[in-house]
Amino acid sequence: MTKRSANMGGLFLLTFVAVVGLYATNPTTQHFREVMRSQKRLMTDVASYLPISREDYKLFSRFEVKYGLGSKTCYGAAGYIFVCPSAKKA
C-alpha cells in the first residue's frame, strides 16, 4: 500500500463521516423555530410563529418563512448552522 492510496483512504473516510454527520443532524422545522426563539431578538422571535415550509434535501434543509406579502429563505445543516442570505442591493 502506497502513501498516496493511504491518503485517499483517509480522505474517503473523512468524507463519509461528514456526510453521515450531516444526514444525522439535518434540522427539522421545530428545531429551526427553537433556534430562532433562542436568539433573543424580537424579529426572529416573531418570525418563529409564522408559517414555515421545509424542503428536505437529506444533507441540509431549505426553510421558507412566509410573511404576509413575501417570504424569507434560509438553509440549515448540522443542527445549528442556519444561513439566511439577504437579497442583493442594486
PDB file of N, CA and C in Angstrom:
ATOM      1  N   MET A   1       0.852  -1.179   0.000  1.00  0.00           N
ATOM      2  CA  MET A   1       0.000   0.000   0.000  1.00  0.00           C
ATOM      3  C   MET A   1       0.893   1.234   0.000  1.00  0.00           C
ATOM      4  N   THR A   2       0.662   2.092  -0.960  1.00  0.00           N
ATOM      5  CA  THR A   2       1.497   3.291  -1.072  1.00  0.00           C
ATOM      6  C   THR A   2       0.950   4.402  -0.201  1.00  0.00           C
ATOM      7  N   LYS A   3       1.766   5.422  -0.031  1.00  0.00           N
ATOM      8  CA  LYS A   3       1.355   6.559   0.786  1.00  0.00           C
ATOM      9  C   LYS A   3       0.172   7.289   0.148  1.00  0.00           C
ATOM     10  N   ARG A   4       0.156   7.362  -1.182  1.00  0.00           N
ATOM     11  CA  ARG A   4      -0.935   8.050  -1.873  1.00  0.00           C
ATOM     12  C   ARG A   4      -2.275   7.347  -1.648  1.00  0.00           C
ATOM     13  N   SER A   5      -2.305   6.024  -1.725  1.00  0.00           N
ATOM     14  CA  SER A   5      -3.561   5.302  -1.521  1.00  0.00           C
ATOM     15  C   SER A   5      -4.006   5.387  -0.058  1.00  0.00           C
ATOM     16  N   ALA A   6      -3.069   5.472   0.869  1.00  0.00           N
ATOM     17  CA  ALA A   6      -3.426   5.647   2.277  1.00  0.00           C
ATOM     18  C   ALA A   6      -4.074   7.010   2.484  1.00  0.00           C
ATOM     19  N   ASN A   7      -3.563   8.035   1.815  1.00  0.00           N
ATOM     20  CA  ASN A   7      -4.158   9.372   1.912  1.00  0.00           C
ATOM     21  C   ASN A   7      -5.556   9.384   1.318  1.00  0.00           C
ATOM     22  N   MET A   8      -5.770   8.670   0.220  1.00  0.00           N
ATOM     23  CA  MET A   8      -7.094   8.613  -0.402  1.00  0.00           C
ATOM     24  C   MET A   8      -8.079   7.893   0.512  1.00  0.00           C
ATOM     25  N   GLY A   9      -7.622   6.847   1.211  1.00  0.00           N
ATOM     26  CA  GLY A   9      -8.486   6.134   2.142  1.00  0.00           C
ATOM     27  C   GLY A   9      -8.915   7.029   3.292  1.00  0.00           C
ATOM     28  N   GLY A  10      -7.981   7.833   3.796  1.00  0.00           N
ATOM     29  CA  GLY A  10      -8.305   8.782   4.861  1.00  0.00           C
ATOM     30  C   GLY A  10      -9.274   9.844   4.392  1.00  0.00           C
ATOM     31  N   LEU A  11      -9.088  10.330   3.182  1.00  0.00           N
ATOM     32  CA  LEU A  11      -9.984  11.343   2.614  1.00  0.00           C
ATOM     33  C   LEU A  11     -11.380  10.758   2.422  1.00  0.00           C
ATOM     34  N   PHE A  12     -11.449   9.523   1.937  1.00  0.00           N
ATOM     35  CA  PHE A  12     -12.747   8.866   1.760  1.00  0.00           C
ATOM     36  C   PHE A  12     -13.445   8.699   3.100  1.00  0.00           C
ATOM     37  N   LEU A  13     -12.715   8.253   4.119  1.00  0.00           N
ATOM     38  CA  LEU A  13     -13.298   8.065   5.441  1.00  0.00           C
ATOM     39  C   LEU A  13     -13.800   9.383   6.024  1.00  0.00           C
ATOM     40  N   LEU A  14     -13.031  10.446   5.876  1.00  0.00           N
ATOM     41  CA  LEU A  14     -13.423  11.766   6.365  1.00  0.00           C
ATOM     42  C   LEU A  14     -14.685  12.258   5.656  1.00  0.00           C
ATOM     43  N   THR A  15     -14.753  12.082   4.350  1.00  0.00           N
ATOM     44  CA  THR A  15     -15.929  12.478   3.569  1.00  0.00           C
ATOM     45  C   THR A  15     -17.155  11.664   4.002  1.00  0.00           C
ATOM     46  N   PHE A  16     -16.964  10.373   4.195  1.00  0.00           N
ATOM     47  CA  PHE A  16     -18.064   9.504   4.618  1.00  0.00           C
ATOM     48  C   PHE A  16     -18.603   9.925   5.988  1.00  0.00           C
ATOM     49  N   VAL A  17     -17.715  10.197   6.921  1.00  0.00           N
ATOM     50  CA  VAL A  17     -18.128  10.625   8.263  1.00  0.00           C
ATOM     51  C   VAL A  17     -18.860  11.968   8.196  1.00  0.00           C
ATOM     52  N   ALA A  18     -18.383  12.892   7.354  1.00  0.00           N
ATOM     53  CA  ALA A  18     -19.037  14.198   7.216  1.00  0.00           C
ATOM     54  C   ALA A  18     -20.446  14.048   6.638  1.00  0.00           C
ATOM     55  N   VAL A  19     -20.620  13.216   5.633  1.00  0.00           N
ATOM     56  CA  VAL A  19     -21.938  13.010   5.015  1.00  0.00           C
ATOM     57  C   VAL A  19     -22.898  12.363   6.017  1.00  0.00           C
ATOM     58  N   VAL A  20     -22.446  11.353   6.739  1.00  0.00           N
ATOM     59  CA  VAL A  20     -23.294  10.701   7.737  1.00  0.00           C
ATOM     60  C   VAL A  20     -23.652  11.695   8.850  1.00  0.00           C
ATOM     61  N   GLY A  21     -22.692  12.513   9.262  1.00  0.00           N
ATOM     62  CA  GLY A  21     -22.956  13.518  10.288  1.00  0.00           C
ATOM     63  C   GLY A  21     -23.983  14.537   9.851  1.00  0.00           C
ATOM     64  N   LEU A  22     -23.880  15.025   8.617  1.00  0.00           N
ATOM     65  CA  LEU A  22     -24.862  15.977   8.098  1.00  0.00           C
ATOM     66  C   LEU A  22     -26.244  15.340   7.992  1.00  0.00           C
ATOM     67  N   TYR A  23     -26.293  14.107   7.532  1.00  0.00           N
ATOM     68  CA  TYR A  23     -27.575  13.415   7.408  1.00  0.00           C
ATOM     69  C   TYR A  23     -28.235  13.233   8.778  1.00  0.00           C
ATOM     70  N   ALA A  24     -27.441  12.870   9.777  1.00  0.00           N
ATOM     71  CA  ALA A  24     -27.977  12.599  11.116  1.00  0.00           C
ATOM     72  C   ALA A  24     -28.422  13.868  11.843  1.00  0.00           C
ATOM     73  N   THR A  25     -27.849  15.011  11.500  1.00  0.00           N
ATOM     74  CA  THR A  25     -28.167  16.252  12.218  1.00  0.00           C
ATOM     75  C   THR A  25     -28.968  17.238  11.378  1.00  0.00           C
ATOM     76  N   ASN A  26     -29.609  16.765  10.320  1.00  0.00           N
ATOM     77  CA  ASN A  26     -30.428  17.629   9.474  1.00  0.00           C
ATOM     78  C   ASN A  26     -31.571  18.213  10.313  1.00  0.00           C
ATOM     79  N   PRO A  27     -31.674  19.544  10.422  1.00  0.00           N
ATOM     80  CA  PRO A  27     -32.664  20.140  11.320  1.00  0.00           C
ATOM     81  C   PRO A  27     -34.103  20.006  10.813  1.00  0.00           C
ATOM     82  N   THR A  28     -35.023  19.903  11.763  1.00  0.00           N
ATOM     83  CA  THR A  28     -36.448  19.858  11.460  1.00  0.00           C
ATOM     84  C   THR A  28     -37.021  21.273  11.559  1.00  0.00           C
ATOM     85  N   THR A  29     -38.259  21.429  11.157  1.00  0.00           N
ATOM     86  CA  THR A  29     -38.922  22.733  11.253  1.00  0.00           C
ATOM     87  C   THR A  29     -39.025  23.176  12.715  1.00  0.00           C
ATOM     88  N   GLN A  30     -39.365  22.251  13.597  1.00  0.00           N
ATOM     89  CA  GLN A  30     -39.477  22.589  15.019  1.00  0.00           C
ATOM     90  C   GLN A  30     -38.131  23.033  15.587  1.00  0.00           C
ATOM     91  N   HIS A  31     -37.065  22.361  15.192  1.00  0.00           N
ATOM     92  CA  HIS A  31     -35.729  22.750  15.657  1.00  0.00           C
ATOM     93  C   HIS A  31     -35.361  24.145  15.140  1.00  0.00           C
ATOM     94  N   PHE A  32     -35.712  24.426  13.904  1.00  0.00           N
ATOM     95  CA  PHE A  32     -35.457  25.748  13.321  1.00  0.00           C
ATOM     96  C   PHE A  32     -36.196  26.827  14.111  1.00  0.00           C
ATOM     97  N   ARG A  33     -37.448  26.565  14.479  1.00  0.00           N
ATOM     98  CA  ARG A  33     -38.220  27.520  15.284  1.00  0.00           C
ATOM     99  C   ARG A  33     -37.551  27.750  16.649  1.00  0.00           C
ATOM    100  N   GLU A  34     -37.091  26.685  17.288  1.00  0.00           N
ATOM    101  CA  GLU A  34     -36.432  26.806  18.588  1.00  0.00           C
ATOM    102  C   GLU A  34     -35.164  27.647  18.502  1.00  0.00           C
ATOM    103  N   VAL A  35     -34.395  27.453  17.459  1.00  0.00           N
ATOM    104  CA  VAL A  35     -33.168  28.242  17.280  1.00  0.00           C
ATOM    105  C   VAL A  35     -33.515  29.715  17.056  1.00  0.00           C
ATOM    106  N   MET A  36     -34.559  29.987  16.286  1.00  0.00           N
ATOM    107  CA  MET A  36     -34.973  31.380  16.054  1.00  0.00           C
ATOM    108  C   MET A  36     -35.382  32.036  17.369  1.00  0.00           C
ATOM    109  N   ARG A  37     -36.126  31.300  18.215  1.00  0.00           N
ATOM    110  CA  ARG A  37     -36.569  31.847  19.504  1.00  0.00           C
ATOM    111  C   ARG A  37     -35.407  32.060  20.462  1.00  0.00           C
ATOM    112  N   SER A  38     -34.395  31.216  20.389  1.00  0.00           N
ATOM    113  CA  SER A  38     -33.266  31.310  21.315  1.00  0.00           C
ATOM    114  C   SER A  38     -32.328  32.476  21.009  1.00  0.00           C
ATOM    115  N   GLN A  39     -32.497  33.130  19.865  1.00  0.00           N
ATOM    116  CA  GLN A  39     -31.626  34.249  19.502  1.00  0.00           C
ATOM    117  C   GLN A  39     -31.945  35.514  20.281  1.00  0.00           C
ATOM    118  N   LYS A  40     -33.057  35.534  20.967  1.00  0.00           N
ATOM    119  CA  LYS A  40     -33.445  36.660  21.826  1.00  0.00           C
ATOM    120  C   LYS A  40     -33.509  37.997  21.086  1.00  0.00           C
ATOM    121  N   ARG A  41     -33.950  37.942  19.839  1.00  0.00           N
ATOM    122  CA  ARG A  41     -34.191  39.167  19.064  1.00  0.00           C
ATOM    123  C   ARG A  41     -35.667  39.182  18.687  1.00  0.00           C
ATOM    124  N   LEU A  42     -36.270  40.350  18.739  1.00  0.00           N
ATOM    125  CA  LEU A  42     -37.708  40.465  18.514  1.00  0.00           C
ATOM    126  C   LEU A  42     -38.121  39.941  17.142  1.00  0.00           C
ATOM    127  N   MET A  43     -37.395  40.302  16.095  1.00  0.00           N
ATOM    128  CA  MET A  43     -37.795  39.904  14.741  1.00  0.00           C
ATOM    129  C   MET A  43     -37.750  38.389  14.551  1.00  0.00           C
ATOM    130  N   THR A  44     -36.703  37.731  15.045  1.00  0.00           N
ATOM    131  CA  THR A  44     -36.644  36.277  14.875  1.00  0.00           C
ATOM    132  C   THR A  44     -37.648  35.577  15.784  1.00  0.00           C
ATOM    133  N   ASP A  45     -37.919  36.154  16.950  1.00  0.00           N
ATOM    134  CA  ASP A  45     -38.905  35.565  17.846  1.00  0.00           C
ATOM    135  C   ASP A  45     -40.301  35.633  17.220  1.00  0.00           C
ATOM    136  N   VAL A  46     -40.648  36.775  16.638  1.00  0.00           N
ATOM    137  CA  VAL A  46     -41.944  36.922  15.960  1.00  0.00           C
ATOM    138  C   VAL A  46     -42.001  36.003  14.742  1.00  0.00           C
ATOM    139  N   ALA A  47     -40.925  35.947  13.975  1.00  0.00           N
ATOM    140  CA  ALA A  47     -40.896  35.124  12.763  1.00  0.00           C
ATOM    141  C   ALA A  47     -41.034  33.639  13.090  1.00  0.00           C
ATOM    142  N   SER A  48     -40.624  33.230  14.277  1.00  0.00           N
ATOM    143  CA  SER A  48     -40.708  31.810  14.628  1.00  0.00           C
ATOM    144  C   SER A  48     -42.152  31.325  14.739  1.00  0.00           C
ATOM    145  N   TYR A  49     -43.108  32.246  14.870  1.00  0.00           N
ATOM    146  CA  TYR A  49     -44.528  31.877  14.964  1.00  0.00           C
ATOM    147  C   TYR A  49     -45.236  31.910  13.608  1.00  0.00           C
ATOM    148  N   LEU A  50     -44.570  32.390  12.563  1.00  0.00           N
ATOM    149  CA  LEU A  50     -45.165  32.459  11.228  1.00  0.00           C
ATOM    150  C   LEU A  50     -45.096  31.093  10.556  1.00  0.00           C
ATOM    151  N   PRO A  51     -45.900  30.895   9.501  1.00  0.00           N
ATOM    152  CA  PRO A  51     -45.845  29.618   8.776  1.00  0.00           C
ATOM    153  C   PRO A  51     -44.468  29.409   8.143  1.00  0.00           C
ATOM    154  N   ILE A  52     -43.921  28.219   8.330  1.00  0.00           N
ATOM    155  CA  ILE A  52     -42.618  27.864   7.769  1.00  0.00           C
ATOM    156  C   ILE A  52     -42.782  26.579   6.973  1.00  0.00           C
ATOM    157  N   SER A  53     -42.323  26.593   5.717  1.00  0.00           N
ATOM    158  CA  SER A  53     -42.318  25.357   4.936  1.00  0.00           C
ATOM    159  C   SER A  53     -40.879  24.858   4.849  1.00  0.00           C
ATOM    160  N   ARG A  54     -40.733  23.541   4.834  1.00  0.00           N
ATOM    161  CA  ARG A  54     -39.403  22.926   4.831  1.00  0.00           C
ATOM    162  C   ARG A  54     -39.277  21.976   3.657  1.00  0.00           C
ATOM    163  N   GLU A  55     -38.147  22.081   2.953  1.00  0.00           N
ATOM    164  CA  GLU A  55     -37.810  21.115   1.916  1.00  0.00           C
ATOM    165  C   GLU A  55     -36.579  20.369   2.401  1.00  0.00           C
ATOM    166  N   ASP A  56     -36.683  19.063   2.487  1.00  0.00           N
ATOM    167  CA  ASP A  56     -35.603  18.228   2.998  1.00  0.00           C
ATOM    168  C   ASP A  56     -34.744  17.721   1.840  1.00  0.00           C
ATOM    169  N   TYR A  57     -33.442  18.022   1.914  1.00  0.00           N
ATOM    170  CA  TYR A  57     -32.500  17.550   0.903  1.00  0.00           C
ATOM    171  C   TYR A  57     -31.523  16.534   1.486  1.00  0.00           C
ATOM    172  N   LYS A  58     -31.901  15.878   2.572  1.00  0.00           N
ATOM    173  CA  LYS A  58     -31.138  14.851   3.286  1.00  0.00           C
ATOM    174  C   LYS A  58     -29.901  15.392   4.004  1.00  0.00           C
ATOM    175  N   LEU A  59     -29.018  16.144   3.340  1.00  0.00           N
ATOM    176  CA  LEU A  59     -27.817  16.673   3.985  1.00  0.00           C
ATOM    177  C   LEU A  59     -28.047  18.071   4.559  1.00  0.00           C
ATOM    178  N   PHE A  60     -29.046  18.771   4.056  1.00  0.00           N
ATOM    179  CA  PHE A  60     -29.415  20.088   4.557  1.00  0.00           C
ATOM    180  C   PHE A  60     -30.897  20.295   4.262  1.00  0.00           C
ATOM    181  N   SER A  61     -31.460  21.334   4.840  1.00  0.00           N
ATOM    182  CA  SER A  61     -32.874  21.653   4.609  1.00  0.00           C
ATOM    183  C   SER A  61     -33.016  23.103   4.177  1.00  0.00           C
ATOM    184  N   ARG A  62     -34.040  23.359   3.405  1.00  0.00           N
ATOM    185  CA  ARG A  62     -34.367  24.719   2.966  1.00  0.00           C
ATOM    186  C   ARG A  62     -35.665  25.109   3.657  1.00  0.00           C
ATOM    187  N   PHE A  63     -35.617  26.222   4.389  1.00  0.00           N
ATOM    188  CA  PHE A  63     -36.788  26.704   5.120  1.00  0.00           C
ATOM    189  C   PHE A  63     -37.265  28.006   4.479  1.00  0.00           C
ATOM    190  N   GLU A  64     -38.570  28.134   4.348  1.00  0.00           N
ATOM    191  CA  GLU A  64     -39.145  29.365   3.822  1.00  0.00           C
ATOM    192  C   GLU A  64     -40.134  29.907   4.845  1.00  0.00           C
ATOM    193  N   VAL A  65     -39.770  31.058   5.432  1.00  0.00           N
ATOM    194  CA  VAL A  65     -40.636  31.721   6.408  1.00  0.00           C
ATOM    195  C   VAL A  65     -41.563  32.627   5.617  1.00  0.00           C
ATOM    196  N   LYS A  66     -42.862  32.418   5.735  1.00  0.00           N
ATOM    197  CA  LYS A  66     -43.833  33.149   4.921  1.00  0.00           C
ATOM    198  C   LYS A  66     -44.438  34.308   5.696  1.00  0.00           C
ATOM    199  N   TYR A  67     -44.134  35.511   5.244  1.00  0.00           N
ATOM    200  CA  TYR A  67     -44.737  36.719   5.798  1.00  0.00           C
ATOM    201  C   TYR A  67     -46.013  36.983   5.017  1.00  0.00           C
ATOM    202  N   GLY A  68     -46.742  38.007   5.366  1.00  0.00           N
ATOM    203  CA  GLY A  68     -47.991  38.313   4.679  1.00  0.00           C
ATOM    204  C   GLY A  68     -47.835  38.523   3.187  1.00  0.00           C
ATOM    205  N   LEU A  69     -46.876  39.342   2.768  1.00  0.00           N
ATOM    206  CA  LEU A  69     -46.706  39.662   1.348  1.00  0.00           C
ATOM    207  C   LEU A  69     -45.442  39.084   0.738  1.00  0.00           C
ATOM    208  N   GLY A  70     -44.619  38.433   1.508  1.00  0.00           N
ATOM    209  CA  GLY A  70     -43.365  37.914   0.982  1.00  0.00           C
ATOM    210  C   GLY A  70     -42.885  36.732   1.797  1.00  0.00           C
ATOM    211  N   SER A  71     -41.625  36.386   1.588  1.00  0.00           N
ATOM    212  CA  SER A  71     -41.054  35.269   2.324  1.00  0.00           C
ATOM    213  C   SER A  71     -39.547  35.440   2.447  1.00  0.00           C
ATOM    214  N   LYS A  72     -38.957  34.705   3.357  1.00  0.00           N
ATOM    215  CA  LYS A  72     -37.519  34.714   3.580  1.00  0.00           C
ATOM    216  C   LYS A  72     -37.048  33.277   3.527  1.00  0.00           C
ATOM    217  N   THR A  73     -36.013  32.995   2.740  1.00  0.00           N
ATOM    218  CA  THR A  73     -35.491  31.650   2.597  1.00  0.00           C
ATOM    219  C   THR A  73     -34.222  31.492   3.420  1.00  0.00           C
ATOM    220  N   CYS A  74     -34.155  30.400   4.182  1.00  0.00           N
ATOM    221  CA  CYS A  74     -32.982  30.074   4.988  1.00  0.00           C
ATOM    222  C   CYS A  74     -32.594  28.624   4.721  1.00  0.00           C
ATOM    223  N   TYR A  75     -31.326  28.321   4.930  1.00  0.00           N
ATOM    224  CA  TYR A  75     -30.822  26.968   4.756  1.00  0.00           C
ATOM    225  C   TYR A  75     -30.233  26.510   6.078  1.00  0.00           C
ATOM    226  N   GLY A  76     -30.461  25.253   6.435  1.00  0.00           N
ATOM    227  CA  GLY A  76     -29.967  24.742   7.699  1.00  0.00           C
ATOM    228  C   GLY A  76     -29.298  23.398   7.538  1.00  0.00           C
ATOM    229  N   ALA A  77     -28.225  23.197   8.306  1.00  0.00           N
ATOM    230  CA  ALA A  77     -27.497  21.930   8.300  1.00  0.00           C
ATOM    231  C   ALA A  77     -26.795  21.770   9.636  1.00  0.00           C
ATOM    232  N   ALA A  78     -26.402  20.548   9.932  1.00  0.00           N
ATOM    233  CA  ALA A  78     -25.601  20.224  11.117  1.00  0.00           C
ATOM    234  C   ALA A  78     -26.228  20.740  12.412  1.00  0.00           C
ATOM    235  N   GLY A  79     -27.530  20.726  12.495  1.00  0.00           N
ATOM    236  CA  GLY A  79     -28.201  21.071  13.736  1.00  0.00           C
ATOM    237  C   GLY A  79     -28.315  22.549  14.047  1.00  0.00           C
ATOM    238  N   TYR A  80     -27.221  23.282  14.043  1.00  0.00           N
ATOM    239  CA  TYR A  80     -27.258  24.688  14.463  1.00  0.00           C
ATOM    240  C   TYR A  80     -26.680  25.651  13.442  1.00  0.00           C
ATOM    241  N   ILE A  81     -26.410  25.211  12.236  1.00  0.00           N
ATOM    242  CA  ILE A  81     -25.889  26.111  11.206  1.00  0.00           C
ATOM    243  C   ILE A  81     -27.051  26.525  10.320  1.00  0.00           C
ATOM    244  N   PHE A  82     -27.438  27.792  10.440  1.00  0.00           N
ATOM    245  CA  PHE A  82     -28.527  28.326   9.637  1.00  0.00           C
ATOM    246  C   PHE A  82     -28.036  29.562   8.909  1.00  0.00           C
ATOM    247  N   VAL A  83     -28.250  29.605   7.601  1.00  0.00           N
ATOM    248  CA  VAL A  83     -27.830  30.712   6.774  1.00  0.00           C
ATOM    249  C   VAL A  83     -29.066  31.281   6.103  1.00  0.00           C
ATOM    250  N   CYS A  84     -29.269  32.595   6.275  1.00  0.00           N
ATOM    251  CA  CYS A  84     -30.401  33.284   5.664  1.00  0.00           C
ATOM    252  C   CYS A  84     -29.846  34.390   4.780  1.00  0.00           C
ATOM    253  N   PRO A  85     -29.528  34.082   3.527  1.00  0.00           N
ATOM    254  CA  PRO A  85     -28.940  35.116   2.662  1.00  0.00           C
ATOM    255  C   PRO A  85     -29.921  36.255   2.423  1.00  0.00           C
ATOM    256  N   SER A  86     -29.381  37.454   2.361  1.00  0.00           N
ATOM    257  CA  SER A  86     -30.234  38.617   2.089  1.00  0.00           C
ATOM    258  C   SER A  86     -30.150  38.946   0.606  1.00  0.00           C
ATOM    259  N   ALA A  87     -31.163  39.629   0.132  1.00  0.00           N
ATOM    260  CA  ALA A  87     -31.228  39.999  -1.291  1.00  0.00           C
ATOM    261  C   ALA A  87     -30.122  40.994  -1.616  1.00  0.00           C
ATOM    262  N   LYS A  88     -29.608  40.886  -2.837  1.00  0.00           N
ATOM    263  CA  LYS A  88     -28.563  41.813  -3.275  1.00  0.00           C
ATOM    264  C   LYS A  88     -29.146  43.197  -3.470  1.00  0.00           C
ATOM    265  N   LYS A  89     -28.395  44.190  -3.035  1.00  0.00           N
ATOM    266  CA  LYS A  89     -28.838  45.579  -3.197  1.00  0.00           C
ATOM    267  C   LYS A  89     -28.379  46.094  -4.555  1.00  0.00           C
ATOM    268  N   ALA A  90     -29.295  46.771  -5.223  1.00  0.00           N
ATOM    269  CA  ALA A  90     -28.988  47.281  -6.571  1.00  0.00           C
ATOM    270  C   ALA A  90     -28.153  48.534  -6.505  1.00  0.00           C
TER     271      ALA A  90
END
